[in-house]
Amino acid sequence: MEQHIFWLGHSSVKIKGSRIVYIDPWKIKTAEKADLILVSHSHYDHFSPDDIEKIRKEDTVVLAPPDCLAPLGGNARAMKPGDTAVVSGVTVTAVPAYNVNKSFHPRSDDGLGFLVTADGKTIYYGGDTDRIPEMDQIRADIVILPVGGTYTMTAEEAAQAVNRIKPGLAIPIHFGDIVGSIEDAGRFKDLCTVAVSILPVSED
């Protein structure tokens, strides 16, 4: 089954294929229930228990850093960089996400990016990160990276990462709310040597 990726604003993404996967749901309007929810780190604009409850059903699995588990209860499991989990046929590998030249996301916090493999495709979701050495080992069909700067990579740094990974498609996020603008996304697109899709914000 083909996968469809929806940008729900800021850093929130929905991957819809044979399973419904949300990453960092925040301020979402959709009511479609999740099979799997991934949380990259504990900052409020990425970890929102209220938004998770909107899309959670009885058998929804939540994979999140250990410091996010307490408010969730139920079927929530801890992930750290290097961990892999398989949920309903979806393989999730947690990879590092951290800042190298700023202090908002220190490496010691064990923030996460994700490699999500389902329906024959691997999607790399970078999380709140700078361009880090670990990205040189990433292999993915689709790459979703922050481009807004300040707390994460700039558009230029994100394009450098994409051009090194060489996916079939790149998608910019983390702009248009709190930090970053559509101009950052456009600059990212101009600098990438692979196909780029600047998604509209979806309420579906």
C-alpha atoms as a PDB file:
ATOM      1  CA  MET A   1       0.000   0.000   0.000  1.00  0.00           C
ATOM      2  CA  GLU A   2       1.296   3.453  -0.878  1.00  0.00           C
ATOM      3  CA  GLN A   3       2.117   5.773   1.972  1.00  0.00           C
ATOM      4  CA  HIS A   4       0.832   9.328   2.167  1.00  0.00           C
ATOM      5  CA  ILE A   5       2.525  11.939   4.352  1.00  0.00           C
ATOM      6  CA  PHE A   6       0.557  14.808   5.841  1.00  0.00           C
ATOM      7  CA  TRP A   7       2.110  17.827   7.533  1.00  0.00           C
ATOM      8  CA  LEU A   8      -0.111  18.914  10.427  1.00  0.00           C
ATOM      9  CA  GLY A   9       1.846  22.083  11.169  1.00  0.00           C
ATOM     10  CA  HIS A  10       5.117  22.833  12.999  1.00  0.00           C
ATOM     11  CA  SER A  11       6.735  19.411  13.486  1.00  0.00           C
ATOM     12  CA  SER A  12       3.597  17.249  13.471  1.00  0.00           C
ATOM     13  CA  VAL A  13       3.408  14.604  10.758  1.00  0.00           C
ATOM     14  CA  LYS A  14       0.949  11.851   9.900  1.00  0.00           C
ATOM     15  CA  ILE A  15       2.030   8.872   7.809  1.00  0.00           C
ATOM     16  CA  LYS A  16      -0.932   7.052   6.351  1.00  0.00           C
ATOM     17  CA  GLY A  17      -0.462   3.662   4.754  1.00  0.00           C
ATOM     18  CA  SER A  18      -1.507   0.227   5.915  1.00  0.00           C
ATOM     19  CA  ARG A  19      -1.059   1.726   9.408  1.00  0.00           C
ATOM     20  CA  ILE A  20      -1.625   5.246  10.734  1.00  0.00           C
ATOM     21  CA  VAL A  21       1.494   6.726  12.327  1.00  0.00           C
ATOM     22  CA  TYR A  22       1.714  10.152  13.951  1.00  0.00           C
ATOM     23  CA  ILE A  23       4.945  11.868  14.942  1.00  0.00           C
ATOM     24  CA  ASP A  24       4.948  14.678  17.532  1.00  0.00           C
ATOM     25  CA  PRO A  25       1.218  15.507  17.337  1.00  0.00           C
ATOM     26  CA  TRP A  26       0.631  19.077  18.563  1.00  0.00           C
ATOM     27  CA  LYS A  27      -2.303  21.443  18.031  1.00  0.00           C
ATOM     28  CA  ILE A  28      -3.830  18.943  15.656  1.00  0.00           C
ATOM     29  CA  LYS A  29      -7.383  19.095  14.357  1.00  0.00           C
ATOM     30  CA  THR A  30      -7.618  15.630  12.842  1.00  0.00           C
ATOM     31  CA  ALA A  31      -9.729  12.977  14.537  1.00  0.00           C
ATOM     32  CA  GLU A  32      -8.285   9.980  12.696  1.00  0.00           C
ATOM     33  CA  LYS A  33      -7.074   7.460  15.236  1.00  0.00           C
ATOM     34  CA  ALA A  34      -3.483   6.269  15.371  1.00  0.00           C
ATOM     35  CA  ASP A  35      -2.027   2.787  15.332  1.00  0.00           C
ATOM     36  CA  LEU A  36       1.309   4.198  16.444  1.00  0.00           C
ATOM     37  CA  ILE A  37       2.408   7.537  17.921  1.00  0.00           C
ATOM     38  CA  LEU A  38       6.063   8.585  18.065  1.00  0.00           C
ATOM     39  CA  VAL A  39       7.358  11.343  20.349  1.00  0.00           C
ATOM     40  CA  SER A  40      10.803  12.808  19.696  1.00  0.00           C
ATOM     41  CA  HIS A  41      11.395  14.662  22.982  1.00  0.00           C
ATOM     42  CA  SER A  42       9.677  16.295  25.914  1.00  0.00           C
ATOM     43  CA  HIS A  43       9.376  19.929  24.766  1.00  0.00           C
ATOM     44  CA  TYR A  44       5.741  21.073  24.830  1.00  0.00           C
ATOM     45  CA  ASP A  45       5.528  21.642  21.076  1.00  0.00           C
ATOM     46  CA  HIS A  46       6.481  18.017  20.433  1.00  0.00           C
ATOM     47  CA  PHE A  47       5.074  16.164  23.420  1.00  0.00           C
ATOM     48  CA  SER A  48       1.430  17.053  24.020  1.00  0.00           C
ATOM     49  CA  PRO A  49      -0.485  14.481  26.097  1.00  0.00           C
ATOM     50  CA  ASP A  50      -3.760  16.239  25.207  1.00  0.00           C
ATOM     51  CA  ASP A  51      -3.143  15.841  21.492  1.00  0.00           C
ATOM     52  CA  ILE A  52      -2.051  12.252  21.965  1.00  0.00           C
ATOM     53  CA  GLU A  53      -5.357  11.508  23.692  1.00  0.00           C
ATOM     54  CA  LYS A  54      -7.292  12.950  20.733  1.00  0.00           C
ATOM     55  CA  ILE A  55      -5.898  10.292  18.400  1.00  0.00           C
ATOM     56  CA  ARG A  56      -5.344   7.421  20.795  1.00  0.00           C
ATOM     57  CA  LYS A  57      -7.420   4.273  20.786  1.00  0.00           C
ATOM     58  CA  GLU A  58      -7.293   1.312  23.117  1.00  0.00           C
ATOM     59  CA  ASP A  59      -4.549  -0.517  21.234  1.00  0.00           C
ATOM     60  CA  THR A  60      -2.508   2.501  20.082  1.00  0.00           C
ATOM     61  CA  VAL A  61       1.176   2.140  20.918  1.00  0.00           C
ATOM     62  CA  VAL A  62       3.180   5.228  21.925  1.00  0.00           C
ATOM     63  CA  LEU A  63       6.966   5.173  21.614  1.00  0.00           C
ATOM     64  CA  ALA A  64       8.668   8.037  23.451  1.00  0.00           C
ATOM     65  CA  PRO A  65      11.730   8.981  25.498  1.00  0.00           C
ATOM     66  CA  PRO A  66      11.599   7.736  29.100  1.00  0.00           C
ATOM     67  CA  ASP A  67      10.901  11.202  30.530  1.00  0.00           C
ATOM     68  CA  CYS A  68       7.643  11.380  28.557  1.00  0.00           C
ATOM     69  CA  LEU A  69       6.077   8.137  29.786  1.00  0.00           C
ATOM     70  CA  ALA A  70       4.615   9.130  33.161  1.00  0.00           C
ATOM     71  CA  PRO A  71       1.630  11.184  31.885  1.00  0.00           C
ATOM     72  CA  LEU A  72       0.742   8.617  29.239  1.00  0.00           C
ATOM     73  CA  GLY A  73       0.112   5.331  30.990  1.00  0.00           C
ATOM     74  CA  GLY A  74      -1.391   2.551  28.936  1.00  0.00           C
ATOM     75  CA  ASN A  75       0.527   1.130  26.024  1.00  0.00           C
ATOM     76  CA  ALA A  76       3.476   3.537  26.084  1.00  0.00           C
ATOM     77  CA  ARG A  77       7.041   2.295  25.728  1.00  0.00           C
ATOM     78  CA  ALA A  78      10.401   3.966  26.215  1.00  0.00           C
ATOM     79  CA  MET A  79      12.846   4.462  23.369  1.00  0.00           C
ATOM     80  CA  LYS A  80      16.430   5.677  23.389  1.00  0.00           C
ATOM     81  CA  PRO A  81      18.772   6.269  20.464  1.00  0.00           C
ATOM     82  CA  GLY A  82      19.692   2.921  18.924  1.00  0.00           C
ATOM     83  CA  ASP A  83      16.519   1.129  20.004  1.00  0.00           C
ATOM     84  CA  THR A  84      14.295  -0.632  17.465  1.00  0.00           C
ATOM     85  CA  ALA A  85      10.657  -1.635  17.882  1.00  0.00           C
ATOM     86  CA  VAL A  86       8.216  -3.390  15.572  1.00  0.00           C
ATOM     87  CA  VAL A  87       4.561  -2.417  16.003  1.00  0.00           C
ATOM     88  CA  SER A  88       1.826  -3.825  13.743  1.00  0.00           C
ATOM     89  CA  GLY A  89       4.305  -4.408  10.944  1.00  0.00           C
ATOM     90  CA  VAL A  90       5.904  -0.964  11.261  1.00  0.00           C
ATOM     91  CA  THR A  91       9.602  -0.991  12.159  1.00  0.00           C
ATOM     92  CA  VAL A  92      10.826   2.039  14.105  1.00  0.00           C
ATOM     93  CA  THR A  93      14.483   2.703  14.846  1.00  0.00           C
ATOM     94  CA  ALA A  94      15.310   5.613  17.131  1.00  0.00           C
ATOM     95  CA  VAL A  95      18.312   7.685  16.055  1.00  0.00           C
ATOM     96  CA  PRO A  96      20.045  10.598  17.793  1.00  0.00           C
ATOM     97  CA  ALA A  97      18.751  14.175  17.498  1.00  0.00           C
ATOM     98  CA  TYR A  98      20.678  16.975  19.177  1.00  0.00           C
ATOM     99  CA  ASN A  99      22.277  20.410  18.809  1.00  0.00           C
ATOM    100  CA  VAL A 100      25.968  20.847  18.130  1.00  0.00           C
ATOM    101  CA  ASN A 101      26.275  24.655  18.321  1.00  0.00           C
ATOM    102  CA  LYS A 102      23.413  25.614  20.625  1.00  0.00           C
ATOM    103  CA  SER A 103      22.051  24.427  23.971  1.00  0.00           C
ATOM    104  CA  PHE A 104      18.335  23.788  23.375  1.00  0.00           C
ATOM    105  CA  HIS A 105      18.686  20.063  22.676  1.00  0.00           C
ATOM    106  CA  PRO A 106      21.843  18.708  24.294  1.00  0.00           C
ATOM    107  CA  ARG A 107      23.020  15.285  23.246  1.00  0.00           C
ATOM    108  CA  SER A 108      22.774  14.116  26.871  1.00  0.00           C
ATOM    109  CA  ASP A 109      18.976  14.505  26.744  1.00  0.00           C
ATOM    110  CA  ASP A 110      18.733  11.555  24.318  1.00  0.00           C
ATOM    111  CA  GLY A 111      16.302  13.305  21.988  1.00  0.00           C
ATOM    112  CA  LEU A 112      15.092  11.164  19.119  1.00  0.00           C
ATOM    113  CA  GLY A 113      14.768  11.123  15.394  1.00  0.00           C
ATOM    114  CA  PHE A 114      13.099   8.124  13.771  1.00  0.00           C
ATOM    115  CA  LEU A 115      13.539   5.748  10.890  1.00  0.00           C
ATOM    116  CA  VAL A 116      10.059   4.433  10.118  1.00  0.00           C
ATOM    117  CA  THR A 117       9.842   1.496   7.723  1.00  0.00           C
ATOM    118  CA  ALA A 118       6.437   0.369   6.477  1.00  0.00           C
ATOM    119  CA  ASP A 119       4.835  -0.626   3.199  1.00  0.00           C
ATOM    120  CA  GLY A 120       8.238  -1.049   1.572  1.00  0.00           C
ATOM    121  CA  LYS A 121       9.489   2.499   2.284  1.00  0.00           C
ATOM    122  CA  THR A 122      11.762   3.994   4.934  1.00  0.00           C
ATOM    123  CA  ILE A 123      11.065   7.513   6.177  1.00  0.00           C
ATOM    124  CA  TYR A 124      13.614   9.471   8.211  1.00  0.00           C
ATOM    125  CA  TYR A 125      12.132  12.033  10.601  1.00  0.00           C
ATOM    126  CA  GLY A 126      15.003  14.098  11.960  1.00  0.00           C
ATOM    127  CA  GLY A 127      13.495  15.484  15.166  1.00  0.00           C
ATOM    128  CA  ASP A 128      14.819  18.699  16.687  1.00  0.00           C
ATOM    129  CA  THR A 129      18.400  18.434  15.533  1.00  0.00           C
ATOM    130  CA  ASP A 130      21.321  20.116  13.916  1.00  0.00           C
ATOM    131  CA  ARG A 131      23.247  18.490  11.104  1.00  0.00           C
ATOM    132  CA  ILE A 132      25.034  15.792  13.069  1.00  0.00           C
ATOM    133  CA  PRO A 133      27.619  13.166  12.062  1.00  0.00           C
ATOM    134  CA  GLU A 134      25.146  10.316  12.593  1.00  0.00           C
ATOM    135  CA  MET A 135      23.159  11.552   9.586  1.00  0.00           C
ATOM    136  CA  ASP A 136      25.922  10.319   7.296  1.00  0.00           C
ATOM    137  CA  GLN A 137      24.788   6.759   8.110  1.00  0.00           C
ATOM    138  CA  ILE A 138      21.098   7.388   7.356  1.00  0.00           C
ATOM    139  CA  ARG A 139      19.541   5.579   4.407  1.00  0.00           C
ATOM    140  CA  ALA A 140      15.941   6.487   3.628  1.00  0.00           C
ATOM    141  CA  ASP A 141      13.532   6.891   0.749  1.00  0.00           C
ATOM    142  CA  ILE A 142      11.956  10.020   2.232  1.00  0.00           C
ATOM    143  CA  VAL A 143      13.594  12.531   4.579  1.00  0.00           C
ATOM    144  CA  ILE A 144      11.629  14.963   6.800  1.00  0.00           C
ATOM    145  CA  LEU A 145      13.834  17.635   8.380  1.00  0.00           C
ATOM    146  CA  PRO A 146      13.469  20.886  10.332  1.00  0.00           C
ATOM    147  CA  VAL A 147      14.507  24.006   8.428  1.00  0.00           C
ATOM    148  CA  GLY A 148      13.487  26.892  10.695  1.00  0.00           C
ATOM    149  CA  GLY A 149      16.788  27.534  12.441  1.00  0.00           C
ATOM    150  CA  THR A 150      17.145  28.945  15.987  1.00  0.00           C
ATOM    151  CA  TYR A 151      16.386  25.642  17.750  1.00  0.00           C
ATOM    152  CA  THR A 152      17.312  23.322  14.869  1.00  0.00           C
ATOM    153  CA  MET A 153      19.107  23.270  11.545  1.00  0.00           C
ATOM    154  CA  THR A 154      18.836  26.177   9.164  1.00  0.00           C
ATOM    155  CA  ALA A 155      17.557  25.611   5.646  1.00  0.00           C
ATOM    156  CA  GLU A 156      21.145  25.537   4.412  1.00  0.00           C
ATOM    157  CA  GLU A 157      22.230  22.924   6.955  1.00  0.00           C
ATOM    158  CA  ALA A 158      19.162  20.787   6.286  1.00  0.00           C
ATOM    159  CA  ALA A 159      19.863  20.891   2.548  1.00  0.00           C
ATOM    160  CA  GLN A 160      23.446  19.789   3.188  1.00  0.00           C
ATOM    161  CA  ALA A 161      22.126  16.809   5.157  1.00  0.00           C
ATOM    162  CA  VAL A 162      19.637  15.866   2.437  1.00  0.00           C
ATOM    163  CA  ASN A 163      22.226  16.135  -0.308  1.00  0.00           C
ATOM    164  CA  ARG A 164      24.438  13.748   1.637  1.00  0.00           C
ATOM    165  CA  ILE A 165      21.638  11.225   2.329  1.00  0.00           C
ATOM    166  CA  LYS A 166      20.253  11.393  -1.225  1.00  0.00           C
ATOM    167  CA  PRO A 167      16.657  10.270  -0.598  1.00  0.00           C
ATOM    168  CA  GLY A 168      14.039  10.121  -3.306  1.00  0.00           C
ATOM    169  CA  LEU A 169      12.116  12.947  -1.649  1.00  0.00           C
ATOM    170  CA  ALA A 170      12.720  15.560   1.050  1.00  0.00           C
ATOM    171  CA  ILE A 171      10.055  17.393   3.068  1.00  0.00           C
ATOM    172  CA  PRO A 172      10.772  20.504   5.186  1.00  0.00           C
ATOM    173  CA  ILE A 173       9.040  21.051   8.543  1.00  0.00           C
ATOM    174  CA  HIS A 174       9.507  23.068  11.760  1.00  0.00           C
ATOM    175  CA  PHE A 175       8.615  26.408  10.207  1.00  0.00           C
ATOM    176  CA  GLY A 176       5.575  28.661  10.183  1.00  0.00           C
ATOM    177  CA  ASP A 177       4.829  28.351  13.922  1.00  0.00           C
ATOM    178  CA  ILE A 178       7.125  29.570  16.728  1.00  0.00           C
ATOM    179  CA  VAL A 179      10.087  29.901  14.369  1.00  0.00           C
ATOM    180  CA  GLY A 180      10.889  29.752  10.678  1.00  0.00           C
ATOM    181  CA  SER A 181       8.939  30.795   7.599  1.00  0.00           C
ATOM    182  CA  ILE A 182       7.847  29.604   4.196  1.00  0.00           C
ATOM    183  CA  GLU A 183      10.923  31.419   2.859  1.00  0.00           C
ATOM    184  CA  ASP A 184      13.098  28.969   4.809  1.00  0.00           C
ATOM    185  CA  ALA A 185      11.274  26.073   3.159  1.00  0.00           C
ATOM    186  CA  GLY A 186      11.754  27.671  -0.254  1.00  0.00           C
ATOM    187  CA  ARG A 187      15.456  28.210   0.329  1.00  0.00           C
ATOM    188  CA  PHE A 188      15.770  24.572   1.420  1.00  0.00           C
ATOM    189  CA  LYS A 189      14.094  23.469  -1.799  1.00  0.00           C
ATOM    190  CA  ASP A 190      16.382  25.623  -3.906  1.00  0.00           C
ATOM    191  CA  LEU A 191      19.497  24.177  -2.269  1.00  0.00           C
ATOM    192  CA  CYS A 192      18.521  20.499  -2.380  1.00  0.00           C
ATOM    193  CA  THR A 193      19.721  18.328  -5.246  1.00  0.00           C
ATOM    194  CA  VAL A 194      16.805  15.901  -4.776  1.00  0.00           C
ATOM    195  CA  ALA A 195      13.057  16.333  -5.184  1.00  0.00           C
ATOM    196  CA  VAL A 196      11.458  18.468  -2.455  1.00  0.00           C
ATOM    197  CA  SER A 197       7.784  18.707  -1.537  1.00  0.00           C
ATOM    198  CA  ILE A 198       6.700  21.711   0.547  1.00  0.00           C
ATOM    199  CA  LEU A 199       3.463  20.362   1.958  1.00  0.00           C
ATOM    200  CA  PRO A 200       0.477  22.514   2.851  1.00  0.00           C
ATOM    201  CA  VAL A 201      -0.729  22.246   6.424  1.00  0.00           C
ATOM    202  CA  SER A 202      -3.344  19.510   6.506  1.00  0.00           C
ATOM    203  CA  GLU A 203      -6.273  19.258   8.884  1.00  0.00           C
ATOM    204  CA  ASP A 204      -7.081  15.734   7.712  1.00  0.00           C
END
